[in-house]
Every structure is written in C-alpha cells, then in structure tokens.
Amino acid sequence: MPFKTILVHMSDDDRHAARLDLALAVADRFDSTLDLLYVTSPVSMPEAMTGRGASMAYIAEATAHAERVEANIQAEVASRCTGRRYCWSVGHGDHSALLSARAVYADLAVVTQAHPRHLEDRVPSHLPDLLPLTAPCPTLVVPWAGSSTRPVGGHALVAWAPCREAGRAVREAVPLLKLASEVTILMIDPETEETAPADPAPADGAAHTPSILSYLQRHGVVARPHIVRSPDVSDGEVILKVTQAVGADLLVMGAYGHSRWRELVLGGATRTVLTRMTVPVLMAH
C-alpha cells in the first residue's frame, strides 16, 4: 500500500527541518498528505536537572518556549509545503504516546535518531526506540547528522532474516523498494540459501522454494543478495558496514527481534543501528 498519509514528528528541536524535508521527499513520490504533529512538551530531562521542583520548572519553561516558537515553525512549514497537502496540529504530553495514537491513521511515521549525547539514555520516551513497537505503521528514522536532501531509496539495503519483524518491515517498504534503482538483500550467516528467486508464476502444482527474492520479484522488485558470513562480528556491526560499503541511502530492517529491554541491557542489532546509523532507516516490528 502506498504511503498516502505521512505522520511527521514536529517540535522545536534542531532536526525538525530535516524530518520535514525527508517526509516531503517521500510525499512527492506518492502524492501523500503530511500530518504534522507539533508537540510542545520536552522529550526528556537534562542530566543536570534534579529534584521535583527543578524538573517541574524546566518542563514549564521548555513548554512555554515551544509554544512561543510554534508560530515561527508553522510559518516555516507553510513555506516549505507550498503546493502540497498537509495538516498542522499541536499536542501536549508524551511524544511517543501522542504519535502512537496518531499513527493509527497514518501509513508512515517520521522521527529523528536520538541525539548522540543521549545515546545511553534509558528514558522510555525515546521515539526511535518505542514508536516501531507501538505504532501500527512503519517508522522512518532520520539520522541526527547529515543532510536529508538526498532522495531516499535510490539504493535500498534490506537487512533480512526469515522472522516476523523483518518480514513486516519488507512488506511495509515495498512501495519504496519498487521505486529504488537498486535493492540489496543482506543475509548474515543464513541458515538457508535464498539466493535464487523462484519462478514468479510457477505452473500449477510445481514445487518451489520460497525466498525473499521471489517474494519481492512478484511485487516488481528486482533485488540482489549479499551474503555475509561473519560469526565473530555482531549483526548490527555487519549491517552498518555493508550499508556503507554498498552505498545504500535507505536501510530497511525489523525492529527488536529480541525484547527491547534485553537489547537495552545486552545490546542487539536494533540498538547498534539506532546508535550509529548514517542513513534513514525504515523499521517495523
């Protein structure tokens, strides 16, 4: 299903323009409507803030500031969205909860990678961590650093494993994959070889071996496999290295094949990618 409604997280942070630019790039491809939700509440508390009184004062001050600059950001949005369909609304409260509720009516949600100085923060309101788990639509995470002006999905890399999370991510990404000029399927130490797509229209009763390549082929996506056997390197490290090596500008992957709390404590591919990603990442759980 094409992305006809794109939910964009808006706030007075430094990367709101990057999220908007990437959302516009996707919207222009699918003739989408942007649902821009501006949240006035601070995402989390600064490390220096301690004590109930200090916390309440900070929240009040940060919210008041966000409300003051709302008109400026809304005007910025209006100038960037000329000729496009969009709606603007304001929310107050937990960013993740507000976006999860709104995502029920969206085909894609756009958020930003956590700021590097907060990478080890365990505050559960971090959007890239929680939204793929709670939203019914996929989440497109924009890197903190770099420009978003490069078209997303020219070369898409799919981090594949035959599991529910990866399967859903691929299904949700099909509209973008169909537009990509190149699609690479990364398989890390695969238990089975999925390197040859089956006949997309086998004869009745003909035996065939299902594969991610044949699945995509039937959707009009021609992909090539990239198999890595690297038992001594974590999956997250491999994904990041291959993304850079093949020159991908979009990564598609399932989010939290293990429990989120296990990955927070022990590490995992999702946490590694969210920590060090350099290209937009489409995630689903």
Protein backbone atom coordinates (compact mmCIF):
# COMPACT_ATOMS: atom_id res chain seq x y z
CA MET A 1 0.00 0.00 0.00
CA PRO A 2 1.48 3.41 -0.92
CA PHE A 3 2.17 6.00 1.75
CA LYS A 4 -0.84 8.27 1.38
CA THR A 5 -0.64 9.74 4.90
CA ILE A 6 2.75 10.51 6.44
CA LEU A 7 2.88 11.43 10.12
CA VAL A 8 5.77 13.75 10.97
CA HIS A 9 7.02 14.46 14.47
CA MET A 10 7.47 18.22 14.82
CA SER A 11 8.99 20.10 17.75
CA ASP A 12 11.38 22.98 18.33
CA ASP A 13 14.49 20.77 18.12
CA ASP A 14 17.38 21.26 15.71
CA ARG A 15 16.30 18.49 13.31
CA HIS A 16 12.64 19.28 12.71
CA ALA A 17 13.51 20.70 9.27
CA ALA A 18 15.39 17.51 8.33
CA ARG A 19 12.36 15.39 9.24
CA LEU A 20 10.12 17.64 7.21
CA ASP A 21 12.44 17.59 4.19
CA LEU A 22 12.62 13.79 4.17
CA ALA A 23 8.86 13.48 4.62
CA LEU A 24 8.33 15.88 1.71
CA ALA A 25 10.69 13.85 -0.47
CA VAL A 26 8.64 10.71 0.21
CA ALA A 27 5.33 12.56 -0.11
CA ASP A 28 6.26 13.89 -3.54
CA ARG A 29 6.76 10.31 -4.73
CA PHE A 30 3.39 9.08 -3.52
CA ASP A 31 1.22 12.21 -3.68
CA SER A 32 0.86 11.96 0.09
CA THR A 33 -0.74 14.17 2.71
CA LEU A 34 1.52 15.20 5.59
CA ASP A 35 0.10 15.01 9.11
CA LEU A 36 2.38 17.32 11.10
CA LEU A 37 2.07 16.91 14.86
CA TYR A 38 3.88 19.61 16.84
CA VAL A 39 4.50 18.54 20.45
CA THR A 40 5.29 21.29 22.96
CA SER A 41 6.44 19.14 25.88
CA PRO A 42 10.18 18.40 26.32
CA VAL A 43 11.18 14.89 25.28
CA SER A 44 13.34 14.21 28.35
CA MET A 45 15.06 15.95 31.23
CA PRO A 46 18.61 17.32 31.02
CA GLU A 47 21.11 15.41 33.14
CA ALA A 48 21.75 18.46 35.36
CA MET A 49 18.09 18.70 36.40
CA THR A 50 17.47 17.10 39.77
CA GLY A 51 14.61 17.38 42.22
CA ARG A 52 10.88 17.65 41.68
CA GLY A 53 10.82 21.45 41.80
CA ALA A 54 13.63 21.83 39.27
CA SER A 55 12.02 19.29 36.96
CA MET A 56 8.64 20.98 37.06
CA ALA A 57 10.23 24.37 36.43
CA TYR A 58 12.18 23.04 33.47
CA ILE A 59 9.12 21.40 31.93
CA ALA A 60 7.09 24.59 32.32
CA GLU A 61 9.85 26.74 30.81
CA ALA A 62 10.52 24.34 27.92
CA THR A 63 6.81 24.04 27.12
CA ALA A 64 6.36 27.81 27.19
CA HIS A 65 9.31 28.22 24.82
CA ALA A 66 7.89 25.62 22.41
CA GLU A 67 4.55 27.40 22.44
CA ARG A 68 6.24 30.73 21.68
CA VAL A 69 8.13 29.41 18.66
CA GLU A 70 5.22 27.37 17.29
CA ALA A 71 4.07 30.19 15.03
CA ASN A 72 7.58 30.52 13.56
CA ILE A 73 7.85 26.79 12.84
CA GLN A 74 4.34 26.71 11.41
CA ALA A 75 5.27 29.55 9.07
CA GLU A 76 8.42 27.67 8.08
CA VAL A 77 6.29 24.62 7.32
CA ALA A 78 3.87 26.66 5.22
CA SER A 79 6.70 27.99 3.08
CA ARG A 80 8.24 24.53 2.57
CA CYS A 81 4.90 22.83 1.88
CA THR A 82 3.71 25.19 -0.84
CA GLY A 83 1.59 23.24 -3.28
CA ARG A 84 1.43 20.14 -1.08
CA ARG A 85 -1.35 18.80 1.11
CA TYR A 86 -0.68 18.94 4.84
CA CYS A 87 -2.37 19.48 8.18
CA TRP A 88 -0.89 21.01 11.33
CA SER A 89 -1.88 20.22 14.90
CA VAL A 90 -0.43 20.78 18.36
CA GLY A 91 -0.14 18.20 21.12
CA HIS A 92 0.89 18.39 24.77
CA GLY A 93 2.28 15.40 26.64
CA ASP A 94 4.43 12.34 25.99
CA HIS A 95 5.75 12.43 22.42
CA SER A 96 5.71 8.66 21.94
CA ALA A 97 2.16 8.24 23.23
CA LEU A 98 0.82 11.12 21.12
CA LEU A 99 2.49 9.86 17.95
CA SER A 100 1.46 6.26 18.55
CA ALA A 101 -2.18 7.32 18.86
CA ARG A 102 -1.98 9.44 15.70
CA ALA A 103 -0.12 6.72 13.77
CA VAL A 104 -3.31 4.66 13.70
CA TYR A 105 -4.37 6.95 10.85
CA ALA A 106 -1.03 7.06 9.00
CA ASP A 107 0.88 4.87 6.57
CA LEU A 108 4.32 6.03 7.72
CA ALA A 109 5.73 7.92 10.72
CA VAL A 110 8.89 10.05 10.53
CA VAL A 111 11.07 10.72 13.59
CA THR A 112 14.74 11.54 14.29
CA GLN A 113 17.54 9.42 15.72
CA ALA A 114 18.31 10.22 19.37
CA HIS A 115 20.95 12.91 19.86
CA PRO A 116 24.47 11.42 20.30
CA ARG A 117 24.91 12.82 23.79
CA HIS A 118 21.83 10.87 24.91
CA LEU A 119 22.63 7.54 23.26
CA GLU A 120 22.89 5.71 26.56
CA ASP A 121 19.77 7.34 27.97
CA ARG A 122 17.21 4.75 29.05
CA VAL A 123 14.27 7.14 29.20
CA PRO A 124 11.46 5.13 27.56
CA SER A 125 10.09 8.14 25.65
CA HIS A 126 12.86 7.93 23.04
CA LEU A 127 10.90 7.84 19.81
CA PRO A 128 13.16 5.67 17.63
CA ASP A 129 13.12 3.01 20.34
CA LEU A 130 9.42 2.97 21.13
CA LEU A 131 7.50 4.06 18.05
CA PRO A 132 8.31 0.99 15.91
CA LEU A 133 6.96 -1.14 18.77
CA THR A 134 3.77 0.81 19.40
CA ALA A 135 2.74 2.28 16.04
CA PRO A 136 0.68 0.24 13.57
CA CYS A 137 2.57 1.83 10.67
CA PRO A 138 6.30 1.63 9.91
CA THR A 139 8.70 4.23 11.32
CA LEU A 140 11.24 6.07 9.18
CA VAL A 141 14.10 7.24 11.39
CA VAL A 142 16.13 10.23 10.15
CA PRO A 143 19.82 10.33 11.16
CA TRP A 144 20.81 13.06 13.58
CA ALA A 145 23.72 14.18 11.43
CA GLY A 146 23.90 14.84 7.72
CA SER A 147 21.62 16.25 5.08
CA SER A 148 18.18 14.93 4.19
CA THR A 149 18.14 16.47 0.72
CA ARG A 150 19.41 13.27 -0.96
CA PRO A 151 16.44 11.28 -2.32
CA VAL A 152 15.74 8.34 -0.05
CA GLY A 153 15.71 4.85 -1.51
CA GLY A 154 17.88 5.21 -4.60
CA HIS A 155 19.80 2.19 -3.32
CA ALA A 156 17.92 0.35 -0.59
CA LEU A 157 19.55 -2.24 1.66
CA VAL A 158 17.27 -4.77 3.33
CA ALA A 159 18.66 -6.46 6.46
CA TRP A 160 16.93 -9.80 6.02
CA ALA A 161 16.22 -12.74 8.28
CA PRO A 162 13.21 -15.07 7.96
CA CYS A 163 11.41 -13.68 11.00
CA ARG A 164 8.22 -11.74 11.69
CA GLU A 165 9.88 -8.38 12.28
CA ALA A 166 11.94 -8.42 9.09
CA GLY A 167 9.00 -9.77 7.11
CA ARG A 168 6.78 -6.94 8.20
CA ALA A 169 9.47 -4.33 7.51
CA VAL A 170 9.88 -5.62 3.95
CA ARG A 171 6.13 -5.63 3.33
CA GLU A 172 5.81 -2.08 4.58
CA ALA A 173 8.81 -0.96 2.49
CA VAL A 174 7.60 -2.45 -0.81
CA PRO A 175 6.33 0.93 -2.15
CA LEU A 176 9.78 2.46 -1.67
CA LEU A 177 11.59 -0.65 -2.90
CA LYS A 178 9.58 -0.59 -6.14
CA LEU A 179 10.89 2.92 -6.82
CA ALA A 180 14.51 2.16 -5.90
CA SER A 181 17.06 1.94 -8.67
CA GLU A 182 18.87 -0.81 -6.76
CA VAL A 183 17.87 -3.15 -3.93
CA THR A 184 20.34 -5.30 -1.99
CA ILE A 185 19.24 -8.06 0.38
CA LEU A 186 21.74 -8.54 3.20
CA MET A 187 21.73 -12.05 4.70
CA ILE A 188 24.03 -12.66 7.66
CA ASP A 189 25.04 -16.29 8.22
CA PRO A 190 21.81 -17.54 6.61
CA GLU A 191 20.52 -20.95 7.69
CA THR A 192 19.17 -21.47 4.16
CA GLU A 193 20.39 -20.05 0.88
CA GLU A 194 17.83 -17.61 -0.51
CA THR A 195 19.97 -16.57 -3.43
CA ALA A 196 17.79 -17.63 -6.37
CA PRO A 197 14.25 -16.32 -6.83
CA ALA A 198 11.66 -18.89 -7.78
CA ASP A 199 9.57 -18.59 -10.93
CA PRO A 200 7.19 -15.71 -10.15
CA ALA A 201 4.36 -17.64 -11.82
CA PRO A 202 5.03 -21.37 -11.36
CA ALA A 203 2.83 -23.93 -13.07
CA ASP A 204 0.01 -25.38 -11.01
CA GLY A 205 1.41 -27.89 -8.60
CA ALA A 206 5.00 -27.03 -9.37
CA ALA A 207 7.30 -27.24 -6.38
CA HIS A 208 9.30 -24.18 -5.47
CA THR A 209 11.32 -22.90 -2.55
CA PRO A 210 10.03 -19.61 -1.13
CA SER A 211 12.59 -16.85 -0.82
CA ILE A 212 12.67 -13.16 -0.09
CA LEU A 213 13.94 -12.60 -3.63
CA SER A 214 10.97 -14.37 -5.23
CA TYR A 215 8.58 -12.55 -2.89
CA LEU A 216 9.96 -9.18 -3.98
CA GLN A 217 10.11 -10.23 -7.62
CA ARG A 218 6.36 -10.81 -7.60
CA HIS A 219 5.97 -7.25 -6.40
CA GLY A 220 8.08 -5.97 -9.27
CA VAL A 221 11.23 -5.52 -7.21
CA VAL A 222 14.45 -6.95 -8.62
CA ALA A 223 16.92 -7.46 -5.79
CA ARG A 224 20.36 -9.00 -5.49
CA PRO A 225 21.58 -10.99 -2.49
CA HIS A 226 24.58 -10.02 -0.41
CA ILE A 227 25.57 -12.87 1.89
CA VAL A 228 27.96 -12.24 4.77
CA ARG A 229 29.38 -14.99 6.92
CA SER A 230 30.72 -13.27 9.97
CA PRO A 231 30.19 -15.31 13.14
CA ASP A 232 32.62 -13.17 15.15
CA VAL A 233 31.02 -9.79 14.38
CA SER A 234 27.66 -8.64 15.69
CA ASP A 235 24.76 -8.36 13.25
CA GLY A 236 24.45 -4.64 13.95
CA GLU A 237 28.08 -4.04 13.05
CA VAL A 238 27.70 -6.02 9.82
CA ILE A 239 24.58 -4.09 8.83
CA LEU A 240 26.31 -0.74 9.34
CA LYS A 241 29.44 -1.82 7.45
CA VAL A 242 27.52 -3.22 4.48
CA THR A 243 25.26 -0.15 4.32
CA GLN A 244 28.34 1.99 3.86
CA ALA A 245 30.15 -0.45 1.58
CA VAL A 246 27.35 -0.74 -0.99
CA GLY A 247 26.48 2.96 -0.84
CA ALA A 248 22.90 2.46 0.32
CA ASP A 249 20.82 5.54 1.12
CA LEU A 250 18.00 3.63 2.84
CA LEU A 251 18.12 0.74 5.30
CA VAL A 252 15.08 -1.49 5.85
CA MET A 253 15.05 -3.74 8.90
CA GLY A 254 12.87 -5.29 11.54
CA ALA A 255 12.97 -3.69 14.97
CA TYR A 256 13.70 -5.63 18.14
CA GLY A 257 13.61 -9.28 17.18
CA HIS A 258 14.61 -9.79 20.81
CA SER A 259 12.82 -7.89 23.56
CA ARG A 260 13.64 -4.21 23.79
CA TRP A 261 14.76 -4.49 27.39
CA ARG A 262 17.10 -7.37 26.55
CA GLU A 263 18.71 -5.24 23.84
CA LEU A 264 18.99 -2.27 26.19
CA VAL A 265 20.96 -4.41 28.63
CA LEU A 266 22.83 -6.82 26.36
CA GLY A 267 22.87 -4.96 23.08
CA GLY A 268 21.47 -6.04 19.73
CA ALA A 269 21.20 -5.11 16.06
CA THR A 270 18.41 -2.57 16.58
CA ARG A 271 20.25 -0.71 19.32
CA THR A 272 23.51 -0.73 17.36
CA VAL A 273 21.88 0.69 14.24
CA LEU A 274 19.85 3.31 16.13
CA THR A 275 23.06 4.39 17.86
CA ARG A 276 25.31 4.73 14.82
CA MET A 277 23.05 4.98 11.77
CA THR A 278 24.13 7.34 8.97
CA VAL A 279 21.22 6.85 6.50
CA PRO A 280 17.45 6.85 7.01
CA VAL A 281 16.18 3.57 8.46
CA LEU A 282 12.69 2.18 7.89
CA MET A 283 11.76 -0.02 10.86
CA ALA A 284 8.78 -2.16 11.75
CA HIS A 285 8.12 -4.69 14.50
